[in-house]
């Protein structure tokens, strides 16, 4: 007990300090377990992830499972039915997935029987019948058969297409939809109907989509006609996140119209407005999905309402559940979004901290290993000259070495002397 107290006091292991309800974990119990069977205290699954989830502690949403409308050809459906069983169809050279709503694309996870064939893979996205290729494909190995695939593409997608000879060896495709970073975050609202315990602002980020909000379970502003003429609900994240999608679940009873024409505004940590959305439809939706044109680093979101409909005499903000999907902000990674190593020359991957390119003098997945003697440069890709006096006097950042072996000169000791001599003078 005293050891745990000291750990918590010094904030060495924040996850060890929280005693969470079943089904939740994290330093503030802010994560929801997505395990098919048993979820350990740190969120690790004993067995598989629940359907529709994958990745780090099963926190990443697979948008193929949750949103897909159709798969072509139809027999390719088996590629998306189970993320742990290889359902290879060796007659395919092209597969596409269609969605009824526009979604962002960031990366996908592929399981393959032939990782050497991935070099022939072509990826493209389509929106509004305009197809554009994803360029600069990058593969990061997760295990012997599994790769995370990143590429550069612009805009959202309603269709994702994979083509090439490598498709024949692919057995599973999971398309990242981000992780919900809104769960159990700090919230407030300008007023509260009835009581905080029944209709408080936290009800909108408790991870539960209620079947009805008539008695309790959803956030709801007051019905007092003398208070709060401009109601709003706010969430402030524990840190900025790179968010590309908001999802708002409407109430399921007879008052869904209260969200018609709502406004959503996102702010950065300097309280600068960076995104606005105004609902334009006169017909309510049970689920509102708002896709950003690109991932934005968001710290705060405000949902407000200025209009009222039907029998209401005033505007309300009533939310069943609010979700914000994305990743750690640039320069951070992992479940708790810790800083990338200082030796990474590019933004490290949000899921695991992997760096594409290290600063000169370092190597390793996270650029946390110094170059060994005799190597130098970005990712230690350079080899010091054999004419350095010893490999230990070679600078691991630029390959310069001094002194040189007899008969050689220059910063990298790669220039022969003009005249044969034991030592070069110039």
Protein backbone atom coordinates (compact mmCIF):
# COMPACT_ATOMS: atom_id res chain seq x y z
CA UNK A 1 0.00 0.00 0.00
CA UNK A 2 2.78 2.45 0.91
CA UNK A 3 4.65 1.59 -2.28
CA UNK A 4 1.56 2.32 -4.39
CA UNK A 5 1.07 5.59 -2.50
CA UNK A 6 4.65 6.68 -3.27
CA UNK A 7 4.26 5.73 -6.93
CA UNK A 8 1.08 7.77 -7.21
CA UNK A 9 2.59 10.67 -5.26
CA UNK A 10 5.51 10.94 -7.67
CA UNK A 11 3.33 10.24 -10.71
CA UNK A 12 5.66 7.50 -11.93
CA UNK A 13 2.86 5.21 -13.05
CA UNK A 14 -0.42 7.04 -13.26
CA UNK A 15 -2.31 3.99 -14.54
CA UNK A 16 -1.53 2.21 -11.25
CA UNK A 17 -3.22 4.99 -9.25
CA UNK A 18 -6.76 4.55 -10.54
CA UNK A 19 -9.20 1.96 -9.28
CA UNK A 20 -11.68 1.68 -12.14
CA UNK A 21 -15.11 0.17 -12.56
CA UNK A 22 -15.28 -3.05 -14.53
CA UNK A 23 -14.95 -2.32 -18.21
CA UNK A 24 -12.83 0.81 -17.78
CA UNK A 25 -9.11 1.45 -17.35
CA UNK A 26 -6.52 4.21 -17.52
CA UNK A 27 -4.97 6.81 -15.24
CA UNK A 28 -8.39 8.50 -14.92
CA UNK A 29 -10.44 5.43 -15.90
CA UNK A 30 -10.89 7.29 -19.16
CA UNK A 31 -10.71 4.28 -21.49
CA UNK A 32 -13.40 1.75 -22.27
CA UNK A 33 -12.41 -1.91 -22.66
CA UNK A 34 -13.04 -3.37 -26.11
CA UNK A 35 -12.06 -6.97 -25.40
CA UNK A 36 -14.06 -9.94 -26.59
CA UNK A 37 -13.44 -11.68 -23.29
CA UNK A 38 -11.38 -10.50 -20.30
CA UNK A 39 -9.90 -7.00 -20.01
CA UNK A 40 -6.95 -6.66 -17.62
CA UNK A 41 -6.40 -3.63 -15.39
CA UNK A 42 -4.18 -1.94 -17.98
CA UNK A 43 -6.64 -2.59 -20.82
CA UNK A 44 -4.73 -5.54 -22.27
CA UNK A 45 -7.10 -8.17 -23.62
CA UNK A 46 -6.89 -11.80 -22.61
CA UNK A 47 -7.63 -13.12 -26.07
CA UNK A 48 -9.05 -11.11 -28.95
CA UNK A 49 -10.37 -7.58 -29.39
CA UNK A 50 -14.13 -7.22 -29.63
CA UNK A 51 -15.53 -7.05 -33.16
CA UNK A 52 -14.85 -3.66 -34.72
CA UNK A 53 -11.79 -2.79 -32.61
CA UNK A 54 -8.05 -3.39 -32.99
CA UNK A 55 -4.61 -1.97 -32.24
CA UNK A 56 -3.19 -0.59 -29.01
CA UNK A 57 -5.29 -1.99 -26.14
CA UNK A 58 -8.05 -2.51 -28.76
CA UNK A 59 -8.78 1.23 -28.76
CA UNK A 60 -8.80 1.80 -32.53
CA UNK A 61 -12.12 1.73 -34.35
CA UNK A 62 -12.34 -0.31 -37.56
CA UNK A 63 -14.59 1.76 -39.82
CA UNK A 64 -15.11 -1.20 -42.16
CA UNK A 65 -17.01 -2.94 -39.37
CA UNK A 66 -18.99 0.08 -38.16
CA UNK A 67 -19.72 2.00 -41.35
CA UNK A 68 -19.24 -0.06 -44.52
CA UNK A 69 -22.13 -0.26 -46.97
CA UNK A 70 -20.76 -2.73 -49.52
CA UNK A 71 -17.69 -4.72 -50.48
CA UNK A 72 -16.76 -5.55 -54.07
CA UNK A 73 -16.45 -8.27 -55.21
CA UNK A 74 -18.99 -9.82 -52.89
CA UNK A 75 -16.80 -12.83 -52.06
CA UNK A 76 -14.23 -10.43 -50.57
CA UNK A 77 -16.61 -9.92 -47.63
CA UNK A 78 -14.67 -12.60 -45.76
CA UNK A 79 -11.62 -10.30 -45.67
CA UNK A 80 -13.45 -8.12 -43.16
CA UNK A 81 -15.35 -10.63 -41.04
CA UNK A 82 -12.69 -11.57 -38.50
CA UNK A 83 -9.48 -9.73 -37.64
CA UNK A 84 -7.73 -12.81 -36.29
CA UNK A 85 -8.46 -15.46 -38.93
CA UNK A 86 -6.78 -15.37 -42.32
CA UNK A 87 -9.49 -15.64 -44.98
CA UNK A 88 -7.28 -15.40 -48.03
CA UNK A 89 -8.97 -15.45 -51.46
CA UNK A 90 -6.16 -16.06 -53.93
CA UNK A 91 -8.17 -15.18 -57.05
CA UNK A 92 -8.46 -11.47 -56.22
CA UNK A 93 -6.39 -8.66 -57.72
CA UNK A 94 -8.68 -5.82 -56.63
CA UNK A 95 -11.03 -5.14 -53.72
CA UNK A 96 -13.02 -2.04 -52.77
CA UNK A 97 -15.05 -0.96 -49.75
CA UNK A 98 -17.90 1.56 -49.99
CA UNK A 99 -19.33 3.74 -47.26
CA UNK A 100 -22.59 5.71 -47.26
CA UNK A 101 -20.92 8.63 -45.49
CA UNK A 102 -17.63 10.42 -46.10
CA UNK A 103 -14.86 9.26 -43.78
CA UNK A 104 -11.23 10.32 -43.31
CA UNK A 105 -8.39 7.96 -44.22
CA UNK A 106 -5.21 7.86 -42.16
CA UNK A 107 -3.92 4.26 -42.19
CA UNK A 108 -5.00 0.63 -42.32
CA UNK A 109 -3.79 -2.67 -40.94
CA UNK A 110 -3.29 -5.56 -43.37
CA UNK A 111 -2.62 -9.22 -42.66
CA UNK A 112 -0.95 -11.02 -45.55
CA UNK A 113 0.34 -14.48 -46.40
CA UNK A 114 3.13 -13.00 -48.55
CA UNK A 115 4.67 -9.82 -47.19
CA UNK A 116 7.08 -9.67 -50.11
CA UNK A 117 4.18 -9.06 -52.48
CA UNK A 118 3.12 -5.84 -50.73
CA UNK A 119 5.52 -3.87 -52.92
CA UNK A 120 2.98 -4.18 -55.76
CA UNK A 121 0.05 -2.84 -53.70
CA UNK A 122 -1.80 0.21 -55.05
CA UNK A 123 -4.23 2.18 -52.88
CA UNK A 124 -6.73 4.84 -53.94
CA UNK A 125 -9.71 6.63 -52.43
CA UNK A 126 -12.85 7.96 -54.08
CA UNK A 127 -15.26 10.72 -53.08
CA UNK A 128 -18.05 12.14 -55.25
CA UNK A 129 -16.92 9.87 -58.11
CA UNK A 130 -13.46 11.46 -58.08
CA UNK A 131 -10.77 8.84 -57.57
CA UNK A 132 -7.28 9.82 -56.44
CA UNK A 133 -4.27 7.62 -55.72
CA UNK A 134 -2.62 7.39 -52.33
CA UNK A 135 1.06 8.04 -52.85
CA UNK A 136 4.19 7.37 -50.82
CA UNK A 137 3.02 4.03 -49.37
CA UNK A 138 4.82 3.16 -46.14
CA UNK A 139 4.70 -0.24 -44.43
CA UNK A 140 5.39 -0.80 -40.73
CA UNK A 141 5.64 -4.39 -39.58
CA UNK A 142 3.51 -5.36 -36.55
CA UNK A 143 4.29 -9.08 -36.62
CA UNK A 144 5.36 -11.72 -39.16
CA UNK A 145 2.12 -11.40 -41.15
CA UNK A 146 0.73 -7.98 -40.16
CA UNK A 147 1.59 -4.52 -41.47
CA UNK A 148 0.29 -1.02 -40.83
CA UNK A 149 0.02 0.81 -44.16
CA UNK A 150 0.26 4.59 -44.39
CA UNK A 151 0.07 6.74 -47.50
CA UNK A 152 -0.49 10.33 -48.56
CA UNK A 153 -3.95 11.18 -49.84
CA UNK A 154 -6.11 14.27 -49.80
CA UNK A 155 -9.71 14.65 -48.66
CA UNK A 156 -12.24 12.17 -47.35
CA UNK A 157 -13.40 8.91 -48.85
CA UNK A 158 -16.58 7.09 -49.65
CA UNK A 159 -14.66 4.28 -51.38
CA UNK A 160 -11.30 2.69 -50.60
CA UNK A 161 -9.71 0.53 -53.30
CA UNK A 162 -6.77 -1.87 -53.05
CA UNK A 163 -5.34 -3.25 -56.30
CA UNK A 164 -2.38 -5.21 -57.61
CA UNK A 165 -1.03 -8.74 -57.49
CA UNK A 166 -0.49 -8.40 -53.73
CA UNK A 167 -4.26 -8.36 -53.11
CA UNK A 168 -4.33 -12.12 -53.75
CA UNK A 169 -2.23 -12.72 -50.63
CA UNK A 170 -4.14 -10.33 -48.32
CA UNK A 171 -6.36 -12.06 -45.80
CA UNK A 172 -7.55 -9.26 -43.48
CA UNK A 173 -8.07 -5.51 -43.92
CA UNK A 174 -8.80 -3.16 -40.99
CA UNK A 175 -9.27 0.55 -41.75
CA UNK A 176 -8.41 2.89 -38.92
CA UNK A 177 -11.14 5.18 -37.68
CA UNK A 178 -9.09 6.55 -34.79
CA UNK A 179 -9.75 6.14 -31.09
CA UNK A 180 -12.43 7.93 -29.14
CA UNK A 181 -10.55 10.52 -27.08
CA UNK A 182 -13.71 12.15 -25.64
CA UNK A 183 -14.48 9.38 -23.15
CA UNK A 184 -14.73 10.65 -19.55
CA UNK A 185 -13.11 13.98 -20.39
CA UNK A 186 -13.86 17.21 -18.52
CA UNK A 187 -17.28 18.60 -19.51
CA UNK A 188 -19.66 21.39 -18.58
CA UNK A 189 -22.94 22.90 -19.75
CA UNK A 190 -24.47 26.31 -19.30
CA UNK A 191 -27.33 24.84 -17.23
CA UNK A 192 -28.69 21.46 -16.20
CA UNK A 193 -32.18 20.03 -16.35
CA UNK A 194 -33.40 18.36 -13.16
CA UNK A 195 -30.11 17.23 -11.57
CA UNK A 196 -26.46 16.55 -12.37
CA UNK A 197 -26.86 12.89 -11.48
CA UNK A 198 -29.61 12.45 -14.06
CA UNK A 199 -28.82 14.95 -16.84
CA UNK A 200 -25.34 16.31 -16.10
CA UNK A 201 -22.83 17.18 -18.80
CA UNK A 202 -20.75 14.03 -18.10
CA UNK A 203 -23.61 11.86 -19.33
CA UNK A 204 -22.58 12.75 -22.89
CA UNK A 205 -19.12 11.18 -22.54
CA UNK A 206 -19.82 8.16 -20.32
CA UNK A 207 -19.54 5.66 -23.18
CA UNK A 208 -23.22 4.69 -23.02
CA UNK A 209 -25.79 5.32 -25.76
CA UNK A 210 -29.05 5.30 -23.81
CA UNK A 211 -32.24 3.80 -25.27
CA UNK A 212 -34.21 6.77 -23.89
CA UNK A 213 -33.39 10.11 -22.26
CA UNK A 214 -36.84 10.71 -20.75
CA UNK A 215 -35.81 9.94 -17.18
CA UNK A 216 -31.99 10.19 -17.13
CA UNK A 217 -28.79 9.24 -18.90
CA UNK A 218 -28.25 12.10 -21.38
CA UNK A 219 -26.84 15.59 -20.96
CA UNK A 220 -29.63 18.19 -21.00
CA UNK A 221 -29.82 21.91 -20.34
CA UNK A 222 -32.55 23.50 -18.22
CA UNK A 223 -36.19 23.98 -19.16
CA UNK A 224 -36.50 27.04 -16.90
CA UNK A 225 -37.85 29.78 -19.22
CA UNK A 226 -36.02 32.46 -17.21
CA UNK A 227 -32.57 30.90 -17.49
CA UNK A 228 -30.04 30.06 -20.19
CA UNK A 229 -31.53 31.47 -23.42
CA UNK A 230 -28.34 30.43 -25.31
CA UNK A 231 -27.59 26.90 -24.08
CA UNK A 232 -24.35 25.07 -24.85
CA UNK A 233 -22.36 21.98 -23.87
CA UNK A 234 -18.54 21.94 -23.68
CA UNK A 235 -15.82 19.31 -23.50
CA UNK A 236 -12.20 20.21 -22.69
CA UNK A 237 -9.65 17.48 -23.35
CA UNK A 238 -6.83 16.66 -20.95
CA UNK A 239 -4.45 17.60 -23.78
CA UNK A 240 -4.79 18.56 -27.48
CA UNK A 241 -5.56 15.69 -29.86
CA UNK A 242 -5.35 15.38 -33.66
CA UNK A 243 -9.04 14.84 -34.41
CA UNK A 244 -10.63 14.16 -37.79
CA UNK A 245 -14.15 13.02 -36.89
CA UNK A 246 -16.91 13.93 -34.42
CA UNK A 247 -19.90 11.69 -33.76
CA UNK A 248 -23.01 12.85 -31.90
CA UNK A 249 -25.67 10.35 -30.84
CA UNK A 250 -29.11 11.89 -30.63
CA UNK A 251 -31.64 10.85 -28.03
CA UNK A 252 -33.86 7.96 -29.13
CA UNK A 253 -37.19 9.07 -27.68
CA UNK A 254 -39.66 11.64 -29.01
CA UNK A 255 -37.49 14.77 -28.66
CA UNK A 256 -34.81 14.19 -31.29
CA UNK A 257 -35.75 17.48 -32.98
CA UNK A 258 -33.88 19.43 -30.30
CA UNK A 259 -30.58 18.93 -32.16
CA UNK A 260 -31.87 20.23 -35.51
CA UNK A 261 -29.66 23.14 -36.69
CA UNK A 262 -27.19 22.72 -33.81
CA UNK A 263 -23.73 24.30 -34.06
CA UNK A 264 -20.39 22.68 -33.25
CA UNK A 265 -17.17 24.67 -32.86
CA UNK A 266 -13.68 23.36 -32.14
CA UNK A 267 -10.85 25.36 -30.55
CA UNK A 268 -7.12 24.89 -30.08
CA UNK A 269 -5.33 25.36 -26.76
CA UNK A 270 -5.00 29.10 -27.39
CA UNK A 271 -8.81 29.25 -27.57
CA UNK A 272 -8.67 30.05 -31.28
CA UNK A 273 -11.59 28.72 -33.30
CA UNK A 274 -10.26 26.24 -35.87
CA UNK A 275 -13.43 24.50 -37.11
CA UNK A 276 -17.15 25.31 -37.30
CA UNK A 277 -20.09 23.16 -38.31
CA UNK A 278 -23.73 24.20 -38.59
CA UNK A 279 -26.38 21.55 -39.13
CA UNK A 280 -28.31 22.52 -42.25
CA UNK A 281 -30.97 19.83 -42.37
CA UNK A 282 -34.55 20.39 -41.23
CA UNK A 283 -34.79 16.69 -40.44
CA UNK A 284 -33.09 15.30 -37.35
CA UNK A 285 -30.63 12.41 -37.49
CA UNK A 286 -30.19 9.66 -34.93
CA UNK A 287 -26.42 9.84 -35.40
CA UNK A 288 -24.52 12.88 -36.69
CA UNK A 289 -21.08 12.14 -38.17
CA UNK A 290 -18.97 15.24 -38.81
CA UNK A 291 -15.78 14.66 -40.80
CA UNK A 292 -13.12 17.38 -40.73
CA UNK A 293 -11.36 18.27 -44.00
CA UNK A 294 -8.08 17.29 -42.32
CA UNK A 295 -6.99 16.25 -38.85
CA UNK A 296 -6.89 19.31 -36.58
CA UNK A 297 -5.24 19.66 -33.18
CA UNK A 298 -8.27 20.22 -30.95
CA UNK A 299 -8.39 21.08 -27.25
CA UNK A 300 -12.01 22.13 -26.73
CA UNK A 301 -15.38 21.55 -28.42
CA UNK A 302 -18.60 23.51 -27.86
CA UNK A 303 -22.03 22.37 -29.07
CA UNK A 304 -24.71 25.07 -28.94
CA UNK A 305 -28.29 25.67 -29.99
CA UNK A 306 -30.16 28.90 -30.74
CA UNK A 307 -33.33 27.51 -32.33
CA UNK A 308 -36.32 25.55 -31.05
CA UNK A 309 -38.97 23.44 -32.75
CA UNK A 310 -42.27 21.65 -32.30
CA UNK A 311 -43.86 22.32 -28.90
CA UNK A 312 -40.70 23.69 -27.27
CA UNK A 313 -40.71 27.32 -26.16
CA UNK A 314 -36.94 27.64 -25.89
CA UNK A 315 -33.75 26.02 -27.24
CA UNK A 316 -32.13 23.05 -25.51
CA UNK A 317 -28.88 21.14 -25.89
CA UNK A 318 -29.56 17.46 -25.26
CA UNK A 319 -26.87 14.90 -26.16
CA UNK A 320 -27.06 11.14 -25.76
CA UNK A 321 -23.34 10.55 -26.45
CA UNK A 322 -20.48 12.57 -27.95
CA UNK A 323 -17.39 10.98 -29.50
CA UNK A 324 -14.22 12.52 -30.95
CA UNK A 325 -12.02 10.22 -33.04
CA UNK A 326 -8.37 10.79 -33.77
CA UNK A 327 -4.83 10.29 -32.52
CA UNK A 328 -2.27 11.93 -30.29
CA UNK A 329 -1.26 15.40 -31.43
CA UNK A 330 1.90 15.63 -33.57
CA UNK A 331 5.02 14.89 -31.56
CA UNK A 332 3.30 12.47 -29.14
CA UNK A 333 2.41 8.78 -29.14
CA UNK A 334 0.91 5.89 -27.23
CA UNK A 335 -2.14 5.44 -25.06
CA UNK A 336 -1.21 8.41 -22.88
CA UNK A 337 0.31 10.50 -25.68
CA UNK A 338 3.80 10.85 -24.25
CA UNK A 339 6.36 12.96 -26.16
CA UNK A 340 8.27 11.37 -29.04
CA UNK A 341 11.98 10.97 -28.50
CA UNK A 342 14.00 14.11 -29.16
CA UNK A 343 16.05 12.31 -31.81
CA UNK A 344 13.18 11.78 -34.27
CA UNK A 345 13.59 13.87 -37.44
CA UNK A 346 9.92 13.49 -38.38
CA UNK A 347 6.65 13.10 -36.52
CA UNK A 348 6.66 9.73 -34.83
CA UNK A 349 3.71 7.38 -35.35
CA UNK A 350 0.94 8.10 -32.86
CA UNK A 351 0.21 4.43 -32.20
CA UNK A 352 3.71 3.28 -31.16
CA UNK A 353 6.25 6.13 -31.42
CA UNK A 354 8.01 4.66 -34.47
CA UNK A 355 10.08 7.22 -36.39
CA UNK A 356 10.62 7.12 -40.14
CA UNK A 357 13.88 9.08 -40.01
CA UNK A 358 16.20 9.68 -37.05
CA UNK A 359 18.42 12.68 -36.51
CA UNK A 360 22.04 12.06 -37.52
CA UNK A 361 23.76 9.94 -34.91
CA UNK A 362 20.75 7.83 -33.91
CA UNK A 363 18.82 4.76 -35.02
CA UNK A 364 16.12 2.38 -33.83
CA UNK A 365 12.34 2.32 -34.13
CA UNK A 366 12.11 5.25 -31.72
CA UNK A 367 15.49 6.81 -32.54
CA UNK A 368 16.68 6.14 -29.01
CA UNK A 369 19.87 4.22 -29.89
CA UNK A 370 23.16 6.02 -30.59
CA UNK A 371 25.10 4.89 -33.65
CA UNK A 372 27.67 2.19 -32.89
CA UNK A 373 31.34 2.90 -33.60
CA UNK A 374 31.97 3.06 -37.33
CA UNK A 375 28.47 4.24 -38.30
CA UNK A 376 27.02 7.74 -38.65
CA UNK A 377 24.21 9.88 -40.10
CA UNK A 378 20.40 9.62 -40.13
CA UNK A 379 19.38 6.12 -38.98
CA UNK A 380 23.15 5.37 -38.80
CA UNK A 381 23.01 4.68 -42.53
CA UNK A 382 26.53 5.97 -43.21
CA UNK A 383 29.72 3.97 -42.74
CA UNK A 384 32.80 5.75 -41.49
CA UNK A 385 35.84 5.72 -43.73
CA UNK A 386 38.19 2.81 -43.26
CA UNK A 387 40.95 5.42 -43.29
CA UNK A 388 39.88 7.01 -39.99
CA UNK A 389 42.63 6.44 -37.44
CA UNK A 390 40.13 4.35 -35.43
CA UNK A 391 36.40 3.86 -35.81
CA UNK A 392 35.98 5.48 -32.41
CA UNK A 393 37.17 8.91 -33.57
CA UNK A 394 34.50 9.06 -36.31
CA UNK A 395 31.76 11.60 -35.51
CA UNK A 396 28.48 9.68 -35.44
CA UNK A 397 26.50 12.64 -36.81
CA UNK A 398 28.49 13.58 -39.94
CA UNK A 399 31.21 10.94 -40.37
CA UNK A 400 34.09 13.37 -39.88
CA UNK A 401 37.14 11.90 -38.22
CA UNK A 402 40.54 13.14 -37.20
CA UNK A 403 43.29 12.17 -37.24
CA UNK A 404 43.40 10.03 -40.37
CA UNK A 405 45.52 6.99 -41.00
CA UNK A 406 48.84 7.73 -42.66
CA UNK A 407 48.45 8.65 -46.32
CA UNK A 408 44.94 10.12 -46.07
CA UNK A 409 43.37 13.46 -45.33
CA UNK A 410 40.05 15.35 -45.49
CA UNK A 411 37.14 15.70 -43.11
CA UNK A 412 36.13 12.10 -43.62
CA UNK A 413 39.65 10.85 -44.32
CA UNK A 414 38.62 9.81 -47.80
CA UNK A 415 41.21 11.80 -49.76
CA UNK A 416 44.56 10.31 -50.59
CA UNK A 417 47.67 12.44 -50.09
CA UNK A 418 49.18 14.14 -53.14
CA UNK A 419 52.56 12.68 -52.40
CA UNK A 420 53.26 9.41 -50.77
CA UNK A 421 54.07 10.28 -47.22
CA UNK A 422 53.65 8.82 -43.81
CA UNK A 423 51.51 11.82 -42.74
CA UNK A 424 49.60 14.29 -44.92
CA UNK A 425 50.54 17.87 -44.16
CA UNK A 426 47.61 19.50 -46.01
